[in-house]
Amino acid sequence: MKLPHEFYQLPFSFDVGQLTKEIEQFTGSDWVTHHEGFQGNSAIPLISVNGEFNNDFKGPMQPTAALEKSPYIKQILASFGEVLSRSRLMRLAPGAQVPLHSDINYHWYKRVRVHIPITTTEQVQFFCHDKQVHMGAGECWIFDSWKLHKVENNSDQYRVHLVVDLAGSSQFWRTVFKHSRSIADDQSTALNSQFVGFNPDLAASLITEQFNAPIIMPVAEVEYLTNELLAEVKHNPDNRLAEVHAFSLLIAEYVADWRMLWLQYECTKAGWPHYHALREQTMIKALQCAKSLQLTHSGSAVKAFEQLVIVACMNVELSEPLATRKQAIASPKTSQVRANSAPKTAVTKSSDPMIESMIAPPSRNSPCPCGSGERYKACHGKMS
């Protein structure tokens, strides 16, 4: 999420000793390696799609078995009083780093990640744009994930953070902007923190996201997201005016054509091939006319357009029951037979079996149902 400052320390603190006891119950086999293969990065999901051990963003969020074994962590999550999304324990090995990147996909545009360090040292540094901080054990932090950021663990110990994803209610954001401290503030002023201790008699209750991605994105949200993106492209003085103009025209045409489809089909299956064809055609044009455009502090504008809008505006797999989606992934040949027998449409035939069969995997990191053995995002889910 974009924030006015790179880092904010929130006015909460936690019992490091109790947190340490709860993470010590987990063995090496409980820590799952990073889904992108980042060396030395591993995690234990606490809240995830359907409560399973996955890296998915879309679908009903539920507590995992690991969270149910961690009563204090569960109390901490409940203490925010927010609707919670993906949450996990994140571990960084000695000498490892989280590589420089920005979080420009749909999930992160209006969600923030709360960090609560459990085991750490001064040699663990968090970098965001041109600022850096050490997040102390038991503290509570958020940061601007839209900007380029990275983490370095230059110590000889594992760093473990509890991280909580949430969009935030009005009360949460009042706390951030009225009672928290950014690194731009006077650091000599003490932060008036509320200590959240462990209560062994408290049965914590969580509220988790159930609807977090549209089957077909409404026109108003497509227009909002593209306007936000275009404003940042125009704000960067290093971008060539001719490319900015071409990108502006492309976005205006995309929104207009999306609106025409929405007025005809809304979310019904009859419109899916048309929506998908528009996405493919628009992405091809974007790579041709705007490939050098850059956001202000977040990298490629076309990549952001792909991840924030093109990929996110169509999630037809969410229209199918979870059991049906799992069966489709397990039996890609069956999906392909169904695709071959599906009624033909008047539009140009899509090359994507997912649209023809109306079934897609629950995650872009899931195996592609076409049977290639590749992840969906690197196969038929690839928009560029």
Protein backbone atom coordinates (compact mmCIF):
# COMPACT_ATOMS: atom_id res chain seq x y z
CA MET A 1 0.00 0.00 0.00
CA LYS A 2 1.10 3.55 -0.70
CA LEU A 3 1.75 5.55 2.48
CA PRO A 4 2.80 9.18 3.11
CA HIS A 5 6.05 7.95 4.73
CA GLU A 6 8.15 4.83 4.23
CA PHE A 7 7.85 3.45 7.79
CA TYR A 8 5.46 3.82 10.72
CA GLN A 9 5.92 2.33 14.17
CA LEU A 10 2.49 1.54 15.62
CA PRO A 11 1.71 2.10 19.33
CA PHE A 12 1.64 -1.57 20.33
CA SER A 13 4.16 -3.90 21.94
CA PHE A 14 4.12 -7.64 22.59
CA ASP A 15 5.57 -10.32 24.87
CA VAL A 16 8.69 -11.53 23.04
CA GLY A 17 9.26 -14.36 25.50
CA GLN A 18 5.81 -15.84 24.94
CA LEU A 19 6.09 -15.38 21.19
CA THR A 20 9.45 -17.14 21.22
CA LYS A 21 7.95 -20.10 23.10
CA GLU A 22 5.25 -20.46 20.48
CA ILE A 23 7.60 -20.41 17.50
CA GLU A 24 9.93 -22.91 19.18
CA GLN A 25 7.22 -25.58 18.92
CA PHE A 26 7.74 -25.67 15.14
CA THR A 27 10.40 -27.86 13.57
CA GLY A 28 12.44 -27.29 10.45
CA SER A 29 9.98 -29.25 8.34
CA ASP A 30 7.17 -26.84 9.29
CA TRP A 31 8.91 -23.95 7.53
CA VAL A 32 7.96 -23.78 3.85
CA THR A 33 10.54 -22.38 1.43
CA HIS A 34 9.62 -19.18 -0.41
CA HIS A 35 7.37 -19.80 -3.41
CA GLU A 36 9.67 -17.69 -5.63
CA GLY A 37 12.74 -19.57 -4.45
CA PHE A 38 14.32 -16.68 -2.51
CA GLN A 39 17.32 -18.26 -0.79
CA GLY A 40 17.09 -18.33 3.00
CA ASN A 41 13.43 -17.23 3.04
CA SER A 42 10.80 -19.50 4.59
CA ALA A 43 7.40 -19.16 6.24
CA ILE A 44 4.63 -20.86 8.20
CA PRO A 45 1.12 -19.82 7.07
CA LEU A 46 -1.18 -18.80 9.92
CA ILE A 47 -4.12 -17.45 7.93
CA SER A 48 -4.40 -18.59 4.34
CA VAL A 49 -6.89 -19.44 1.63
CA ASN A 50 -9.09 -22.21 3.06
CA GLY A 51 -6.67 -22.58 5.99
CA GLU A 52 -4.22 -24.59 3.88
CA PHE A 53 -0.46 -24.26 3.49
CA ASN A 54 -0.37 -22.12 0.37
CA ASN A 55 0.73 -18.73 -0.95
CA ASP A 56 -2.60 -17.79 -2.48
CA PHE A 57 -4.22 -14.36 -2.36
CA LYS A 58 -7.72 -15.11 -3.64
CA GLY A 59 -10.45 -16.94 -1.75
CA PRO A 60 -11.83 -17.27 1.78
CA MET A 61 -9.13 -16.80 4.41
CA GLN A 62 -9.14 -19.20 7.35
CA PRO A 63 -6.80 -20.04 10.28
CA THR A 64 -4.33 -22.85 9.66
CA ALA A 65 -3.48 -25.72 12.00
CA ALA A 66 -0.28 -23.86 12.93
CA LEU A 67 -2.27 -20.88 14.21
CA GLU A 68 -4.60 -23.09 16.22
CA LYS A 69 -1.51 -24.35 18.09
CA SER A 70 -0.38 -20.78 18.86
CA PRO A 71 -2.82 -19.18 21.35
CA TYR A 72 -0.83 -15.99 21.98
CA ILE A 73 -0.27 -15.34 18.28
CA LYS A 74 -4.00 -15.84 17.74
CA GLN A 75 -4.74 -13.34 20.53
CA ILE A 76 -2.40 -10.83 18.89
CA LEU A 77 -4.15 -11.18 15.55
CA ALA A 78 -7.54 -10.79 17.22
CA SER A 79 -6.35 -7.74 19.19
CA PHE A 80 -6.26 -5.61 16.05
CA GLY A 81 -10.03 -6.02 15.67
CA GLU A 82 -9.63 -5.98 11.90
CA VAL A 83 -10.70 -8.16 8.99
CA LEU A 84 -7.54 -10.21 8.44
CA SER A 85 -6.00 -11.49 5.25
CA ARG A 86 -2.89 -13.64 4.64
CA SER A 87 -0.83 -13.85 7.82
CA ARG A 88 2.25 -15.88 8.59
CA LEU A 89 5.51 -16.34 10.42
CA MET A 90 8.34 -15.28 8.13
CA ARG A 91 11.90 -16.45 8.70
CA LEU A 92 15.11 -15.08 7.19
CA ALA A 93 18.27 -17.17 7.51
CA PRO A 94 21.62 -15.77 8.71
CA GLY A 95 23.30 -13.82 5.91
CA ALA A 96 20.18 -13.99 3.71
CA GLN A 97 18.06 -11.19 2.33
CA VAL A 98 14.64 -10.45 0.92
CA PRO A 99 15.61 -9.18 -2.57
CA LEU A 100 14.75 -5.67 -3.72
CA HIS A 101 11.18 -5.57 -5.06
CA SER A 102 7.90 -3.68 -4.91
CA ASP A 103 4.46 -5.13 -4.21
CA ILE A 104 2.44 -3.89 -7.17
CA ASN A 105 -0.25 -6.55 -7.46
CA TYR A 106 -3.93 -6.15 -6.64
CA HIS A 107 -3.70 -7.72 -3.18
CA TRP A 108 -1.19 -5.17 -1.96
CA TYR A 109 -2.65 -2.01 -3.47
CA LYS A 110 -5.10 -1.49 -0.61
CA ARG A 111 -3.59 -3.78 2.02
CA VAL A 112 -0.73 -3.18 4.40
CA ARG A 113 1.54 -5.71 6.06
CA VAL A 114 1.98 -5.37 9.81
CA HIS A 115 5.38 -6.60 11.05
CA ILE A 116 5.94 -7.81 14.62
CA PRO A 117 9.59 -8.91 15.07
CA ILE A 118 10.10 -11.91 17.35
CA THR A 119 13.76 -12.86 16.96
CA THR A 120 16.04 -10.23 15.51
CA THR A 121 19.27 -8.27 16.03
CA GLU A 122 20.53 -4.79 15.15
CA GLN A 123 22.18 -6.36 12.10
CA VAL A 124 18.75 -6.94 10.53
CA GLN A 125 17.89 -3.87 8.47
CA PHE A 126 14.73 -3.09 6.51
CA PHE A 127 15.14 -0.78 3.51
CA CYS A 128 12.32 1.11 1.77
CA HIS A 129 13.11 3.64 -0.97
CA ASP A 130 15.81 5.87 0.62
CA LYS A 131 15.04 5.00 4.26
CA GLN A 132 16.08 2.12 6.50
CA VAL A 133 15.17 0.95 10.00
CA HIS A 134 15.81 -1.85 12.44
CA MET A 135 12.50 -3.17 13.73
CA GLY A 136 13.05 -4.16 17.35
CA ALA A 137 11.73 -7.36 18.92
CA GLY A 138 8.19 -6.95 20.22
CA GLU A 139 7.55 -3.74 18.28
CA CYS A 140 4.89 -3.19 15.62
CA TRP A 141 5.58 -1.67 12.19
CA ILE A 142 4.06 -1.03 8.78
CA PHE A 143 5.74 0.28 5.63
CA ASP A 144 5.03 1.52 2.10
CA SER A 145 5.16 -1.71 0.11
CA TRP A 146 4.43 0.07 -3.20
CA LYS A 147 7.96 1.50 -3.13
CA LEU A 148 11.01 -0.68 -3.79
CA HIS A 149 12.11 -2.38 -0.56
CA LYS A 150 14.36 -5.16 0.74
CA VAL A 151 15.55 -6.76 4.00
CA GLU A 152 19.09 -7.78 4.93
CA ASN A 153 19.97 -10.17 7.76
CA ASN A 154 23.64 -9.54 8.33
CA SER A 155 23.64 -11.44 11.63
CA ASP A 156 24.45 -15.06 12.50
CA GLN A 157 20.90 -15.72 13.74
CA TYR A 158 17.53 -16.44 12.17
CA ARG A 159 15.21 -13.45 11.97
CA VAL A 160 11.53 -14.33 12.56
CA HIS A 161 8.65 -11.88 12.15
CA LEU A 162 4.94 -12.32 12.67
CA VAL A 163 3.33 -10.58 9.67
CA VAL A 164 -0.34 -9.71 9.35
CA ASP A 165 -1.99 -8.53 6.11
CA LEU A 166 -5.02 -6.25 6.40
CA ALA A 167 -6.79 -3.41 4.59
CA GLY A 168 -7.57 -1.51 7.77
CA SER A 169 -10.72 0.08 9.14
CA SER A 170 -11.10 3.80 9.78
CA GLN A 171 -10.09 3.13 13.39
CA PHE A 172 -6.88 1.41 12.28
CA TRP A 173 -5.88 4.32 10.06
CA ARG A 174 -6.70 6.86 12.78
CA THR A 175 -4.26 4.96 14.96
CA VAL A 176 -1.62 5.02 12.23
CA PHE A 177 -1.83 8.71 11.46
CA LYS A 178 -2.64 10.10 14.92
CA HIS A 179 -0.88 7.83 17.40
CA SER A 180 1.98 6.15 15.50
CA ARG A 181 5.44 7.46 14.67
CA SER A 182 7.02 7.67 11.24
CA ILE A 183 10.78 7.72 10.82
CA ALA A 184 10.35 11.33 9.68
CA ASP A 185 9.18 12.26 13.21
CA ASP A 186 11.33 13.31 16.13
CA GLN A 187 12.73 9.98 17.37
CA SER A 188 13.56 11.44 20.79
CA THR A 189 9.85 11.52 21.64
CA ALA A 190 8.74 8.29 23.31
CA LEU A 191 5.99 6.30 21.62
CA ASN A 192 3.08 5.69 23.99
CA SER A 193 2.64 1.97 23.31
CA GLN A 194 -0.08 -0.35 24.54
CA PHE A 195 1.29 -3.68 25.74
CA VAL A 196 -0.68 -6.69 24.52
CA GLY A 197 0.16 -9.58 26.83
CA PHE A 198 -0.83 -13.22 26.84
CA ASN A 199 -4.05 -14.24 28.58
CA PRO A 200 -4.20 -18.05 28.88
CA ASP A 201 -7.94 -17.87 29.66
CA LEU A 202 -8.88 -15.84 26.60
CA ALA A 203 -10.45 -17.64 23.63
CA ALA A 204 -9.57 -15.32 20.75
CA SER A 205 -12.00 -14.86 17.88
CA LEU A 206 -10.86 -13.78 14.40
CA ILE A 207 -12.55 -12.04 11.50
CA THR A 208 -11.04 -13.06 8.16
CA GLU A 209 -11.54 -12.03 4.54
CA GLN A 210 -14.08 -14.09 2.61
CA PHE A 211 -14.41 -12.02 -0.58
CA ASN A 212 -11.17 -10.48 -1.78
CA ALA A 213 -11.13 -10.72 -5.58
CA PRO A 214 -13.87 -10.07 -8.14
CA ILE A 215 -14.93 -12.75 -10.61
CA ILE A 216 -15.11 -9.90 -13.13
CA MET A 217 -13.94 -6.50 -11.89
CA PRO A 218 -16.64 -3.80 -12.01
CA VAL A 219 -15.99 -0.91 -14.38
CA ALA A 220 -15.69 1.63 -11.56
CA GLU A 221 -12.78 -0.25 -9.99
CA VAL A 222 -11.04 -0.80 -13.34
CA GLU A 223 -11.32 2.94 -13.99
CA TYR A 224 -10.11 3.83 -10.49
CA LEU A 225 -7.05 1.58 -10.64
CA THR A 226 -6.03 2.63 -14.14
CA ASN A 227 -6.43 6.33 -13.26
CA GLU A 228 -4.25 5.86 -10.17
CA LEU A 229 -1.60 4.14 -12.25
CA LEU A 230 -1.72 6.72 -15.02
CA ALA A 231 -1.40 9.60 -12.53
CA GLU A 232 1.85 8.13 -11.22
CA VAL A 233 3.18 7.58 -14.76
CA LYS A 234 2.45 11.22 -15.59
CA HIS A 235 4.13 12.34 -12.37
CA ASN A 236 7.46 10.78 -13.34
CA PRO A 237 9.40 13.46 -15.30
CA ASP A 238 11.73 10.86 -16.82
CA ASN A 239 8.96 9.26 -18.89
CA ARG A 240 8.76 10.19 -22.56
CA LEU A 241 5.67 12.27 -23.34
CA ALA A 242 4.88 10.31 -26.50
CA GLU A 243 4.76 7.04 -24.54
CA VAL A 244 2.72 8.65 -21.76
CA HIS A 245 0.21 9.85 -24.35
CA ALA A 246 0.03 6.41 -25.99
CA PHE A 247 -0.43 4.72 -22.61
CA SER A 248 -3.16 7.21 -21.67
CA LEU A 249 -5.03 6.47 -24.88
CA LEU A 250 -4.62 2.72 -24.38
CA ILE A 251 -6.06 2.91 -20.85
CA ALA A 252 -8.98 5.08 -21.96
CA GLU A 253 -9.84 2.58 -24.69
CA TYR A 254 -9.49 -0.37 -22.31
CA VAL A 255 -11.88 1.18 -19.77
CA ALA A 256 -14.39 2.09 -22.49
CA ASP A 257 -14.37 -1.42 -23.98
CA TRP A 258 -14.52 -3.05 -20.53
CA ARG A 259 -17.59 -0.92 -19.81
CA MET A 260 -19.27 -2.08 -23.02
CA LEU A 261 -18.68 -5.72 -22.06
CA TRP A 262 -19.86 -5.14 -18.48
CA LEU A 263 -23.10 -3.59 -19.72
CA GLN A 264 -23.73 -6.68 -21.84
CA TYR A 265 -22.52 -9.50 -19.61
CA GLU A 266 -21.63 -8.29 -16.10
CA CYS A 267 -20.14 -11.49 -14.53
CA THR A 268 -21.94 -14.11 -16.59
CA LYS A 269 -20.00 -16.90 -18.30
CA ALA A 270 -21.06 -15.78 -21.76
CA GLY A 271 -18.84 -12.72 -21.38
CA TRP A 272 -15.70 -14.44 -20.12
CA PRO A 273 -14.09 -15.13 -23.50
CA HIS A 274 -14.74 -11.51 -24.54
CA TYR A 275 -13.21 -10.07 -21.36
CA HIS A 276 -10.18 -12.33 -21.72
CA ALA A 277 -9.67 -11.43 -25.39
CA LEU A 278 -9.72 -7.73 -24.45
CA ARG A 279 -7.11 -8.35 -21.74
CA GLU A 280 -4.79 -10.19 -24.13
CA GLN A 281 -5.10 -7.58 -26.88
CA THR A 282 -4.55 -4.70 -24.47
CA MET A 283 -1.47 -6.28 -22.92
CA ILE A 284 0.10 -6.83 -26.34
CA LYS A 285 -0.48 -3.16 -27.19
CA ALA A 286 0.90 -2.01 -23.83
CA LEU A 287 4.17 -3.87 -24.42
CA GLN A 288 4.44 -2.25 -27.83
CA CYS A 289 3.68 1.34 -26.92
CA ALA A 290 4.71 1.82 -23.28
CA LYS A 291 7.38 -0.73 -22.36
CA SER A 292 9.89 1.87 -21.12
CA LEU A 293 7.49 3.77 -18.85
CA GLN A 294 8.42 3.77 -15.16
CA LEU A 295 6.47 4.45 -11.99
CA THR A 296 7.94 7.02 -9.61
CA HIS A 297 9.56 4.60 -7.13
CA SER A 298 8.24 1.16 -8.09
CA GLY A 299 9.66 0.05 -11.42
CA SER A 300 7.92 -0.78 -14.69
CA ALA A 301 4.52 0.81 -15.34
CA VAL A 302 3.54 -1.95 -17.77
CA LYS A 303 4.37 -4.64 -15.21
CA ALA A 304 2.26 -2.79 -12.63
CA PHE A 305 -0.58 -2.48 -15.15
CA GLU A 306 -0.40 -6.22 -15.76
CA GLN A 307 -0.34 -7.24 -12.08
CA LEU A 308 -2.66 -4.57 -10.66
CA VAL A 309 -5.28 -4.49 -13.42
CA ILE A 310 -4.97 -7.03 -16.25
CA VAL A 311 -4.40 -10.12 -14.10
CA ALA A 312 -6.66 -8.94 -11.27
CA CYS A 313 -9.73 -7.93 -13.23
CA MET A 314 -10.76 -11.49 -14.10
CA ASN A 315 -10.83 -14.35 -11.57
CA VAL A 316 -13.29 -16.82 -13.05
CA GLU A 317 -11.90 -19.71 -11.01
CA LEU A 318 -13.63 -18.19 -7.97
CA SER A 319 -17.00 -18.94 -9.53
CA GLU A 320 -16.40 -22.69 -9.14
CA PRO A 321 -16.60 -24.58 -5.83
CA LEU A 322 -13.18 -25.35 -4.39
CA ALA A 323 -13.64 -29.10 -4.86
CA THR A 324 -14.33 -28.60 -8.58
CA ARG A 325 -11.21 -26.47 -8.98
CA LYS A 326 -9.04 -29.04 -7.25
CA GLN A 327 -10.42 -31.79 -9.44
CA ALA A 328 -9.67 -29.74 -12.56
CA ILE A 329 -6.06 -29.28 -11.49
CA ALA A 330 -5.67 -32.97 -10.71
CA SER A 331 -7.19 -33.99 -14.07
CA PRO A 332 -6.00 -31.48 -16.71
CA LYS A 333 -6.89 -33.85 -19.58
CA THR A 334 -10.51 -33.86 -18.43
CA SER A 335 -10.49 -30.07 -18.47
CA GLN A 336 -9.08 -30.10 -21.98
CA VAL A 337 -11.80 -32.50 -23.21
CA ARG A 338 -14.40 -30.19 -21.72
CA ALA A 339 -12.72 -27.24 -23.45
CA ASN A 340 -12.83 -29.01 -26.82
CA SER A 341 -16.53 -29.77 -26.43
CA ALA A 342 -17.50 -26.28 -25.24
CA PRO A 343 -19.81 -24.19 -27.46
CA LYS A 344 -17.93 -21.91 -29.84
CA THR A 345 -18.28 -18.15 -29.45
CA ALA A 346 -18.50 -15.44 -32.07
CA VAL A 347 -15.29 -13.78 -30.89
CA THR A 348 -11.76 -14.74 -31.80
CA LYS A 349 -10.99 -18.05 -30.10
CA SER A 350 -8.79 -17.62 -27.05
CA SER A 351 -5.62 -19.66 -26.79
CA ASP A 352 -6.29 -20.10 -23.06
CA PRO A 353 -7.80 -23.50 -22.11
CA MET A 354 -8.88 -21.96 -18.81
CA ILE A 355 -11.33 -19.65 -20.56
CA GLU A 356 -12.60 -22.37 -22.90
CA SER A 357 -13.28 -24.78 -20.02
CA MET A 358 -14.29 -22.03 -17.58
CA ILE A 359 -11.90 -23.51 -15.02
CA ALA A 360 -8.65 -21.98 -13.75
CA PRO A 361 -6.38 -22.90 -10.83
CA PRO A 362 -6.99 -21.29 -7.44
CA SER A 363 -3.56 -19.62 -7.56
CA ARG A 364 -1.18 -18.26 -10.19
CA ASN A 365 1.46 -20.43 -8.49
CA SER A 366 -0.62 -23.61 -8.98
CA PRO A 367 0.16 -26.09 -11.80
CA CYS A 368 -1.37 -25.03 -15.10
CA PRO A 369 -4.36 -27.28 -15.90
CA CYS A 370 -3.18 -27.58 -19.50
CA GLY A 371 -0.79 -30.28 -18.25
CA SER A 372 2.46 -28.53 -19.21
CA GLY A 373 3.96 -28.95 -15.74
CA GLU A 374 4.55 -25.18 -15.50
CA ARG A 375 2.99 -22.86 -12.97
CA TYR A 376 -0.17 -21.19 -14.27
CA LYS A 377 1.43 -17.72 -14.14
CA ALA A 378 4.31 -18.89 -16.36
CA CYS A 379 2.04 -20.72 -18.81
CA HIS A 380 -1.55 -19.88 -19.74
CA GLY A 381 -1.81 -17.27 -16.99
CA LYS A 382 0.98 -15.22 -18.53
CA MET A 383 -0.40 -12.01 -19.97
CA SER A 384 2.78 -10.77 -21.66
